[in-house]
N, C-alpha and C. Protein backbone atom coordinates (compact mmCIF):
# COMPACT_ATOMS: atom_id res chain seq x y z
N MET A 1 99.32 78.42 100.40
CA MET A 1 100.04 79.24 98.89
C MET A 1 100.39 78.57 98.16
N HIS A 2 99.91 77.80 97.15
CA HIS A 2 100.86 76.96 96.40
C HIS A 2 101.97 77.93 95.42
N CYS A 3 103.34 77.79 95.17
CA CYS A 3 103.92 78.48 94.57
C CYS A 3 103.58 78.22 92.86
N PRO A 4 103.55 79.25 92.49
CA PRO A 4 103.19 79.60 90.67
C PRO A 4 104.19 78.94 89.83
N PHE A 5 105.42 78.78 90.30
CA PHE A 5 106.54 78.36 89.89
C PHE A 5 106.84 76.96 89.55
N CYS A 6 106.66 76.37 90.74
CA CYS A 6 107.06 74.82 91.35
C CYS A 6 105.99 73.92 91.96
N ARG A 7 105.21 74.58 92.23
CA ARG A 7 103.47 74.37 92.83
C ARG A 7 103.73 73.70 94.20
N ASN A 8 104.84 74.01 94.65
CA ASN A 8 105.19 73.59 95.78
C ASN A 8 103.60 73.99 96.54
N PRO A 9 103.53 73.72 97.76
CA PRO A 9 102.26 73.39 98.57
C PRO A 9 102.49 74.83 100.11
N ASP A 10 103.97 75.34 100.07
CA ASP A 10 104.09 76.12 101.11
C ASP A 10 104.80 77.23 100.75
N SER A 11 104.66 78.37 101.46
CA SER A 11 105.48 79.48 100.82
C SER A 11 105.51 80.50 101.92
N ARG A 12 106.76 81.25 102.11
CA ARG A 12 106.99 82.22 103.40
C ARG A 12 106.80 83.55 102.94
N VAL A 13 105.49 84.17 103.93
CA VAL A 13 105.34 85.84 103.93
C VAL A 13 106.57 86.60 103.99
N ILE A 14 107.19 87.27 102.88
CA ILE A 14 108.35 88.02 103.39
C ILE A 14 107.73 89.66 103.90
N ASP A 15 106.59 90.13 103.36
CA ASP A 15 106.08 91.69 103.38
C ASP A 15 104.68 91.40 103.39
N SER A 16 104.00 92.30 104.22
CA SER A 16 102.05 92.21 104.13
C SER A 16 102.34 93.72 103.94
N ARG A 17 101.52 94.51 102.94
CA ARG A 17 100.95 95.44 103.05
C ARG A 17 99.33 95.79 102.66
N SER A 18 98.67 96.76 103.29
CA SER A 18 97.30 96.94 103.17
C SER A 18 97.22 98.21 101.56
N ILE A 19 96.44 97.43 101.33
CA ILE A 19 95.94 98.06 99.83
C ILE A 19 94.44 98.59 99.83
N ASP A 20 94.21 99.35 99.12
CA ASP A 20 92.81 99.79 98.52
C ASP A 20 91.91 100.45 100.37
N ASP A 21 92.91 100.99 100.65
CA ASP A 21 92.29 101.66 101.67
C ASP A 21 91.67 100.72 102.79
N GLY A 22 92.39 99.68 103.17
CA GLY A 22 92.28 98.42 103.96
C GLY A 22 91.55 97.38 103.63
N ALA A 23 90.86 97.24 102.41
CA ALA A 23 89.97 96.24 101.67
C ALA A 23 90.64 95.30 100.80
N ALA A 24 92.15 95.24 100.84
CA ALA A 24 93.26 94.09 100.17
C ALA A 24 94.34 94.15 101.27
N ILE A 25 94.92 92.80 101.12
CA ILE A 25 96.16 92.92 101.67
C ILE A 25 97.26 92.41 100.75
N ARG A 26 98.36 93.09 100.21
CA ARG A 26 99.39 92.84 99.21
C ARG A 26 100.46 91.71 100.08
N ARG A 27 100.83 90.72 100.00
CA ARG A 27 101.48 89.91 100.15
C ARG A 27 102.93 89.24 99.40
N ARG A 28 104.07 89.66 99.71
CA ARG A 28 105.16 89.36 99.08
C ARG A 28 105.83 87.93 99.64
N ARG A 29 105.78 86.78 98.69
CA ARG A 29 105.81 85.69 99.37
C ARG A 29 107.07 85.13 98.37
N SER A 30 107.76 83.96 99.27
CA SER A 30 108.87 83.29 98.92
C SER A 30 108.99 81.68 99.05
N CYS A 31 109.07 81.21 97.70
CA CYS A 31 108.90 79.62 98.21
C CYS A 31 110.13 79.34 98.64
N PRO A 32 109.91 78.26 99.73
CA PRO A 32 111.20 77.67 100.30
C PRO A 32 112.14 76.38 99.65
N GLU A 33 111.23 75.78 98.44
CA GLU A 33 111.41 74.97 97.51
C GLU A 33 112.61 75.26 96.52
N CYS A 34 112.01 76.49 95.75
CA CYS A 34 112.66 77.04 94.72
C CYS A 34 113.29 78.33 94.52
N GLY A 35 113.07 78.94 95.63
CA GLY A 35 113.43 80.15 96.03
C GLY A 35 113.16 81.43 95.61
N LYS A 36 112.18 81.24 94.48
CA LYS A 36 111.61 82.02 94.12
C LYS A 36 110.58 82.82 94.76
N ARG A 37 110.36 84.33 94.14
CA ARG A 37 109.44 85.07 95.00
C ARG A 37 108.49 85.50 94.20
N PHE A 38 107.09 85.56 94.71
CA PHE A 38 105.83 85.56 94.09
C PHE A 38 104.89 86.63 94.90
N THR A 39 104.54 87.61 94.23
CA THR A 39 103.20 88.67 95.24
C THR A 39 101.63 88.03 94.76
N THR A 40 101.21 88.35 96.04
CA THR A 40 99.69 87.65 96.34
C THR A 40 98.59 89.11 96.69
N GLN A 41 97.71 89.06 96.78
CA GLN A 41 96.49 90.03 97.01
C GLN A 41 95.38 88.78 97.66
N GLU A 42 94.91 89.52 98.50
CA GLU A 42 94.19 88.80 99.30
C GLU A 42 93.06 89.93 99.52
N ASN A 43 91.39 89.71 99.19
CA ASN A 43 90.70 90.98 98.70
C ASN A 43 89.50 90.29 100.12
N VAL A 44 89.12 90.98 100.81
CA VAL A 44 88.04 90.73 101.18
C VAL A 44 86.49 90.53 100.74
N LEU A 45 85.92 89.70 100.99
CA LEU A 45 84.53 90.11 99.96
C LEU A 45 83.32 90.47 100.54
N LEU A 46 82.63 91.29 100.34
CA LEU A 46 81.59 91.25 100.91
C LEU A 46 80.20 90.98 100.03
N MET A 47 79.51 89.96 100.92
CA MET A 47 78.24 89.30 100.10
C MET A 47 77.14 89.94 100.01
N VAL A 48 76.26 90.14 99.41
CA VAL A 48 74.72 90.51 99.60
C VAL A 48 74.05 89.57 99.45
N ALA A 49 73.19 89.50 100.52
CA ALA A 49 71.88 88.62 100.94
C ALA A 49 70.26 88.85 100.10
N LYS A 50 70.25 88.32 98.92
CA LYS A 50 69.11 88.61 98.20
C LYS A 50 67.83 87.89 99.04
N ARG A 51 66.50 88.79 98.52
CA ARG A 51 65.38 88.53 99.36
C ARG A 51 65.19 86.60 98.77
N SER A 52 65.59 86.25 97.87
CA SER A 52 65.23 84.97 97.80
C SER A 52 66.24 83.66 98.49
N GLY A 53 67.16 84.33 99.24
CA GLY A 53 67.70 83.93 100.00
C GLY A 53 69.49 83.43 99.81
N VAL A 54 69.30 83.53 98.43
CA VAL A 54 70.69 83.89 97.32
C VAL A 54 71.85 85.04 97.77
N THR A 55 72.99 84.69 97.74
CA THR A 55 74.19 85.19 98.36
C THR A 55 75.01 85.51 97.12
N GLU A 56 75.43 86.76 96.91
CA GLU A 56 76.20 87.06 95.69
C GLU A 56 76.93 87.87 96.13
N PRO A 57 78.71 88.24 95.41
CA PRO A 57 79.21 89.05 96.04
C PRO A 57 79.01 90.34 95.78
N PHE A 58 79.34 91.30 96.71
CA PHE A 58 78.95 93.21 95.87
C PHE A 58 79.57 93.44 95.15
N SER A 59 78.83 93.94 94.17
CA SER A 59 79.61 94.75 92.91
C SER A 59 78.98 96.33 92.76
N ARG A 60 79.98 96.95 92.71
CA ARG A 60 80.04 98.56 92.87
C ARG A 60 79.29 98.44 91.34
N GLU A 61 79.45 97.96 90.29
CA GLU A 61 79.58 97.85 89.39
C GLU A 61 77.69 97.84 89.26
N LYS A 62 77.22 97.00 89.73
CA LYS A 62 75.55 97.00 89.70
C LYS A 62 75.31 97.94 90.42
N ILE A 63 75.63 98.67 91.58
CA ILE A 63 75.19 99.79 91.93
C ILE A 63 75.04 100.86 91.02
N ILE A 64 75.92 101.37 89.99
CA ILE A 64 76.15 102.29 89.44
C ILE A 64 75.15 101.97 88.24
N ALA A 65 75.24 100.75 87.77
CA ALA A 65 74.44 100.80 86.46
C ALA A 65 72.65 101.05 86.98
N GLY A 66 72.02 100.49 88.54
CA GLY A 66 71.70 100.98 88.73
C GLY A 66 70.74 102.69 88.83
N VAL A 67 71.65 102.94 89.52
CA VAL A 67 71.42 104.01 89.43
C VAL A 67 71.51 105.46 88.34
N ARG A 68 72.51 104.47 87.55
CA ARG A 68 72.65 105.48 85.95
C ARG A 68 71.06 105.49 85.61
N ARG A 69 70.55 103.99 85.64
CA ARG A 69 69.25 103.98 84.87
C ARG A 69 68.07 105.18 85.42
N ALA A 70 68.51 105.27 87.01
CA ALA A 70 67.63 106.30 87.27
C ALA A 70 67.95 107.85 87.04
N CYS A 71 69.49 107.51 86.99
CA CYS A 71 69.84 108.84 86.35
C CYS A 71 69.53 109.53 84.87
N GLN A 72 68.71 108.31 84.34
CA GLN A 72 68.82 108.89 82.69
C GLN A 72 68.50 110.05 82.35
N GLY A 73 68.76 110.95 81.41
CA GLY A 73 68.13 111.93 80.68
C GLY A 73 68.50 113.11 81.98
N ARG A 74 69.24 112.97 83.25
CA ARG A 74 69.47 114.07 84.34
C ARG A 74 70.81 114.40 83.57
N PRO A 75 71.23 115.63 84.51
CA PRO A 75 72.66 116.25 84.36
C PRO A 75 73.54 115.50 85.36
N VAL A 76 74.37 114.40 85.32
CA VAL A 76 74.60 113.68 86.25
C VAL A 76 75.88 112.92 85.42
N ASP A 77 77.36 113.17 85.37
CA ASP A 77 78.35 112.47 85.29
C ASP A 77 78.82 111.09 85.72
N GLU A 78 79.25 110.59 84.80
CA GLU A 78 79.79 109.35 85.29
C GLU A 78 80.59 109.12 86.52
N ASP A 79 81.42 110.57 86.79
CA ASP A 79 82.38 110.92 87.77
C ASP A 79 81.67 110.89 89.26
N ALA A 80 80.57 111.31 88.85
CA ALA A 80 79.45 111.76 90.14
C ALA A 80 78.75 110.29 90.47
N LEU A 81 78.91 109.32 89.45
CA LEU A 81 77.99 108.12 89.66
C LEU A 81 79.05 107.34 90.24
N ALA A 82 80.42 107.30 90.13
CA ALA A 82 81.77 106.47 90.56
C ALA A 82 81.74 106.98 91.97
N LYS A 83 81.82 108.16 92.28
CA LYS A 83 81.85 108.61 93.84
C LYS A 83 80.91 108.31 94.40
N LEU A 84 79.57 107.96 94.18
CA LEU A 84 78.14 107.16 94.78
C LEU A 84 78.52 106.11 94.83
N GLY A 85 78.83 105.28 93.96
CA GLY A 85 79.32 103.82 93.78
C GLY A 85 80.11 103.58 94.89
N GLN A 86 81.23 104.39 95.14
CA GLN A 86 82.46 103.99 96.12
C GLN A 86 81.71 104.53 97.83
N ARG A 87 80.77 105.78 97.65
CA ARG A 87 80.23 105.67 99.08
C ARG A 87 79.84 105.04 99.48
N VAL A 88 78.76 104.37 98.71
CA VAL A 88 78.19 103.22 98.94
C VAL A 88 78.87 101.98 99.56
N GLU A 89 79.96 101.43 98.71
CA GLU A 89 80.68 100.53 99.43
C GLU A 89 81.53 100.67 100.47
N GLU A 90 81.74 101.78 100.55
CA GLU A 90 82.44 102.33 102.04
C GLU A 90 81.36 102.56 103.02
N ALA A 91 80.05 102.93 102.88
CA ALA A 91 79.11 102.85 103.89
C ALA A 91 78.87 101.32 104.47
N LEU A 92 78.60 100.20 103.42
CA LEU A 92 78.48 99.23 103.80
C LEU A 92 79.67 98.48 104.64
N ARG A 93 80.70 98.50 104.31
CA ARG A 93 81.57 97.80 104.48
C ARG A 93 82.19 98.69 105.84
N ALA A 94 82.13 99.84 105.98
CA ALA A 94 81.90 100.22 107.69
C ALA A 94 81.31 99.82 108.69
N SER A 95 79.82 98.84 108.22
CA SER A 95 78.81 98.10 109.02
C SER A 95 80.11 97.35 109.75
N GLY A 96 80.91 96.78 109.44
CA GLY A 96 81.36 95.49 109.91
C GLY A 96 81.09 94.02 109.59
N SER A 97 79.72 93.86 108.63
CA SER A 97 79.52 92.57 108.92
C SER A 97 79.55 92.39 107.55
N ALA A 98 80.03 90.82 107.07
CA ALA A 98 80.34 90.36 105.91
C ALA A 98 79.20 89.97 104.86
N GLU A 99 78.32 89.79 105.34
CA GLU A 99 77.06 89.95 104.73
C GLU A 99 76.18 90.88 104.61
N ILE A 100 75.35 91.55 103.88
CA ILE A 100 74.51 92.80 103.93
C ILE A 100 73.08 92.25 103.42
N PRO A 101 72.07 92.48 103.99
CA PRO A 101 70.80 92.17 103.04
C PRO A 101 70.57 92.90 102.15
N SER A 102 69.84 93.00 100.83
CA SER A 102 70.14 93.56 100.01
C SER A 102 69.24 94.79 100.02
N HIS A 103 68.05 94.76 101.13
CA HIS A 103 67.38 95.88 101.50
C HIS A 103 68.45 96.89 102.05
N GLU A 104 69.41 96.57 102.75
CA GLU A 104 70.45 97.53 103.39
C GLU A 104 70.90 98.26 101.98
N VAL A 105 71.82 97.25 101.04
CA VAL A 105 72.07 97.86 100.54
C VAL A 105 71.67 99.20 99.34
N GLY A 106 70.11 98.83 99.20
CA GLY A 106 69.14 99.75 98.97
C GLY A 106 69.26 101.51 99.53
N LEU A 107 68.87 100.79 100.64
CA LEU A 107 69.43 101.96 101.69
C LEU A 107 70.04 102.78 101.72
N ALA A 108 71.38 102.18 101.48
CA ALA A 108 72.45 103.14 101.16
C ALA A 108 72.69 103.87 100.29
N ILE A 109 72.18 103.72 99.39
CA ILE A 109 72.00 104.01 98.09
C ILE A 109 71.29 105.49 98.17
N LEU A 110 69.89 105.49 98.78
CA LEU A 110 69.11 106.07 98.95
C LEU A 110 69.72 107.95 99.00
N GLY A 111 70.38 107.84 100.32
CA GLY A 111 71.15 109.06 100.67
C GLY A 111 72.19 109.66 99.73
N PRO A 112 72.95 108.97 99.21
CA PRO A 112 74.03 109.64 98.56
C PRO A 112 72.99 110.07 97.22
N LEU A 113 72.38 109.34 96.84
CA LEU A 113 71.52 109.95 95.62
C LEU A 113 70.35 111.20 95.95
N SER A 114 69.85 111.19 96.86
CA SER A 114 68.77 112.17 97.44
C SER A 114 69.77 113.43 97.43
N GLU A 115 71.59 113.46 97.56
CA GLU A 115 71.90 114.50 97.75
C GLU A 115 72.50 114.86 96.32
N LEU A 116 72.38 113.68 95.09
CA LEU A 116 73.15 113.75 93.42
C LEU A 116 72.07 114.44 93.20
N ASP A 117 70.96 114.06 92.86
CA ASP A 117 70.07 114.82 92.11
C ASP A 117 68.66 113.94 92.63
N GLU A 118 67.47 114.87 92.80
CA GLU A 118 66.42 114.76 93.28
C GLU A 118 65.38 113.64 92.98
N VAL A 119 65.64 114.26 91.48
CA VAL A 119 64.38 113.47 90.55
C VAL A 119 64.78 111.99 90.24
N ALA A 120 66.34 111.54 90.20
CA ALA A 120 66.86 110.46 90.14
C ALA A 120 66.37 109.58 91.35
N TYR A 121 66.45 110.46 92.31
CA TYR A 121 66.21 109.71 93.95
C TYR A 121 64.87 109.44 93.59
N LEU A 122 63.83 110.55 93.13
CA LEU A 122 62.31 109.76 93.28
C LEU A 122 62.16 108.58 92.45
N ARG A 123 62.99 108.54 91.03
CA ARG A 123 63.31 107.39 90.44
C ARG A 123 63.48 106.03 90.97
N PHE A 124 64.61 106.14 91.54
CA PHE A 124 64.94 104.92 92.35
C PHE A 124 63.84 104.25 93.26
N ALA A 125 63.67 105.76 94.25
CA ALA A 125 62.57 105.38 95.40
C ALA A 125 61.33 104.77 94.72
N SER A 126 60.94 105.08 93.96
CA SER A 126 59.46 104.48 93.37
C SER A 126 59.34 103.21 93.11
N VAL A 127 60.76 103.12 92.45
CA VAL A 127 60.93 101.40 92.49
C VAL A 127 61.25 100.37 93.35
N TYR A 128 62.51 101.21 94.68
CA TYR A 128 63.00 100.26 95.38
C TYR A 128 61.58 100.00 96.25
N ARG A 129 60.99 101.02 96.64
CA ARG A 129 60.01 101.12 97.79
C ARG A 129 58.80 100.78 97.04
N GLY A 130 58.34 100.35 96.07
CA GLY A 130 57.51 100.13 95.40
C GLY A 130 55.93 101.02 95.16
N PHE A 131 56.30 102.09 95.24
CA PHE A 131 55.29 103.47 95.50
C PHE A 131 54.13 103.07 94.41
N GLU A 132 53.17 102.82 94.97
CA GLU A 132 51.46 102.36 94.30
C GLU A 132 50.74 103.50 93.81
N SER A 133 51.11 105.01 94.73
CA SER A 133 50.20 105.76 93.99
C SER A 133 50.55 106.95 93.75
N LEU A 134 49.95 108.42 93.77
CA LEU A 134 50.72 109.55 93.47
C LEU A 134 50.80 110.09 95.13
N ASP A 135 50.39 109.60 96.38
CA ASP A 135 50.39 109.93 97.54
C ASP A 135 51.68 109.56 97.76
N ASP A 136 51.89 108.53 97.56
CA ASP A 136 53.03 107.72 97.96
C ASP A 136 54.81 108.83 97.64
N PHE A 137 54.27 108.99 96.03
CA PHE A 137 55.31 110.17 95.54
C PHE A 137 55.29 111.60 96.16
N ALA A 138 53.97 112.27 96.70
CA ALA A 138 53.73 113.57 97.64
C ALA A 138 54.36 113.48 98.75
N ARG A 139 53.96 112.48 99.65
CA ARG A 139 54.62 112.48 100.83
C ARG A 139 56.28 112.24 100.60
N GLU A 140 56.90 111.50 99.74
CA GLU A 140 58.15 111.22 99.43
C GLU A 140 58.68 113.02 99.08
N ILE A 141 58.27 113.73 98.32
CA ILE A 141 58.39 115.00 97.62
C ILE A 141 58.85 115.97 99.48
N GLU A 142 57.58 115.70 99.87
CA GLU A 142 57.52 116.33 101.25
C GLU A 142 58.71 115.95 101.94
N ILE A 143 58.87 115.11 101.95
CA ILE A 143 60.19 114.42 103.00
C ILE A 143 61.51 115.37 102.10
N LEU A 144 61.75 115.13 101.21
CA LEU A 144 62.45 115.80 100.26
C LEU A 144 62.74 117.32 100.75
N ARG A 145 61.76 117.89 100.64
CA ARG A 145 61.55 119.51 101.06
C ARG A 145 62.10 119.67 102.33
N GLN A 146 61.68 119.00 103.18
CA GLN A 146 61.59 119.25 104.70
C GLN A 146 63.75 118.43 104.83
N GLY A 147 64.30 118.13 104.13
CA GLY A 147 65.57 118.12 103.62
C GLY A 147 66.46 116.65 104.24
N GLY A 148 65.49 115.62 103.85
CA GLY A 148 65.97 114.26 104.06
C GLY A 148 65.23 113.04 103.18
N SER A 149 65.64 111.78 103.24
CA SER A 149 65.00 110.93 102.56
C SER A 149 64.44 109.69 104.09
N SER A 150 63.27 109.37 103.52
CA SER A 150 62.73 109.12 104.82
C SER A 150 63.16 107.34 105.13
N GLY A 151 63.80 106.59 104.38
CA GLY A 151 64.47 105.17 104.90
C GLY A 151 63.44 104.12 105.18
N GLU A 152 62.49 104.63 104.72
CA GLU A 152 61.11 104.05 105.18
C GLU A 152 60.51 102.81 103.81
N PRO A 153 59.71 101.93 103.78
CA PRO A 153 59.16 101.89 102.37
C PRO A 153 58.15 102.54 102.80
N ALA A 154 56.86 102.96 101.25
CA ALA A 154 56.14 103.80 101.07
C ALA A 154 54.64 103.43 102.12
N GLY A 155 54.83 101.92 102.24
CA GLY A 155 53.07 101.47 102.93
C GLY A 155 53.36 101.82 104.21
N SER A 156 54.56 101.88 104.92
CA SER A 156 54.76 102.04 106.33
C SER A 156 54.79 103.51 107.09
N ARG A 157 54.09 104.35 106.02
CA ARG A 157 54.47 105.81 106.59
C ARG A 157 52.76 105.99 106.86
C-alpha cells in the first residue's frame, strides 16, 4: 500500500477492524517514511459469471432494478426492495464462493421475491425461466398455492 502523502511503497498496519458485517476490513496504517497515518478499506469482491463467459462484479443495485421492474404497479416499497437485495447478497456470500454463476443469482432472487409479492414473482419467473405457454404459468401458480417456488426451469418439470 503506497502512502497517499509521500508515495512510499511501504506502510505498517496499526489497527484492523471488520466492517459491513464482515464484508470489508478497515485498516489504520502508518507510513515509516513520513510518519503520517491513513485509513484503507478492503472489500471482498463477489463476481458473477454470465452465460457468455464474461465475469463482472456483483451489483445489489442490478438485483433491485430487475426486481423493481417485476414489481411495477404492485404495492412494494423501496425499503422492501432494499431488504430483498440485501437478503440475496447475503445468501450468495454465504455460499462461500468468490464467483457465482448468474443462474444462481436468479435462483437466489426467486425465494425472497415469492415471499414479497406473488404477482411480481410470477412476472420475474416468467422471464427468468422462459415461460412459453399458459401451462408453465399454471404449473408455477399451483406450486405457489402449495407454498413454495420450484427453483427449476419451466421446461424441466
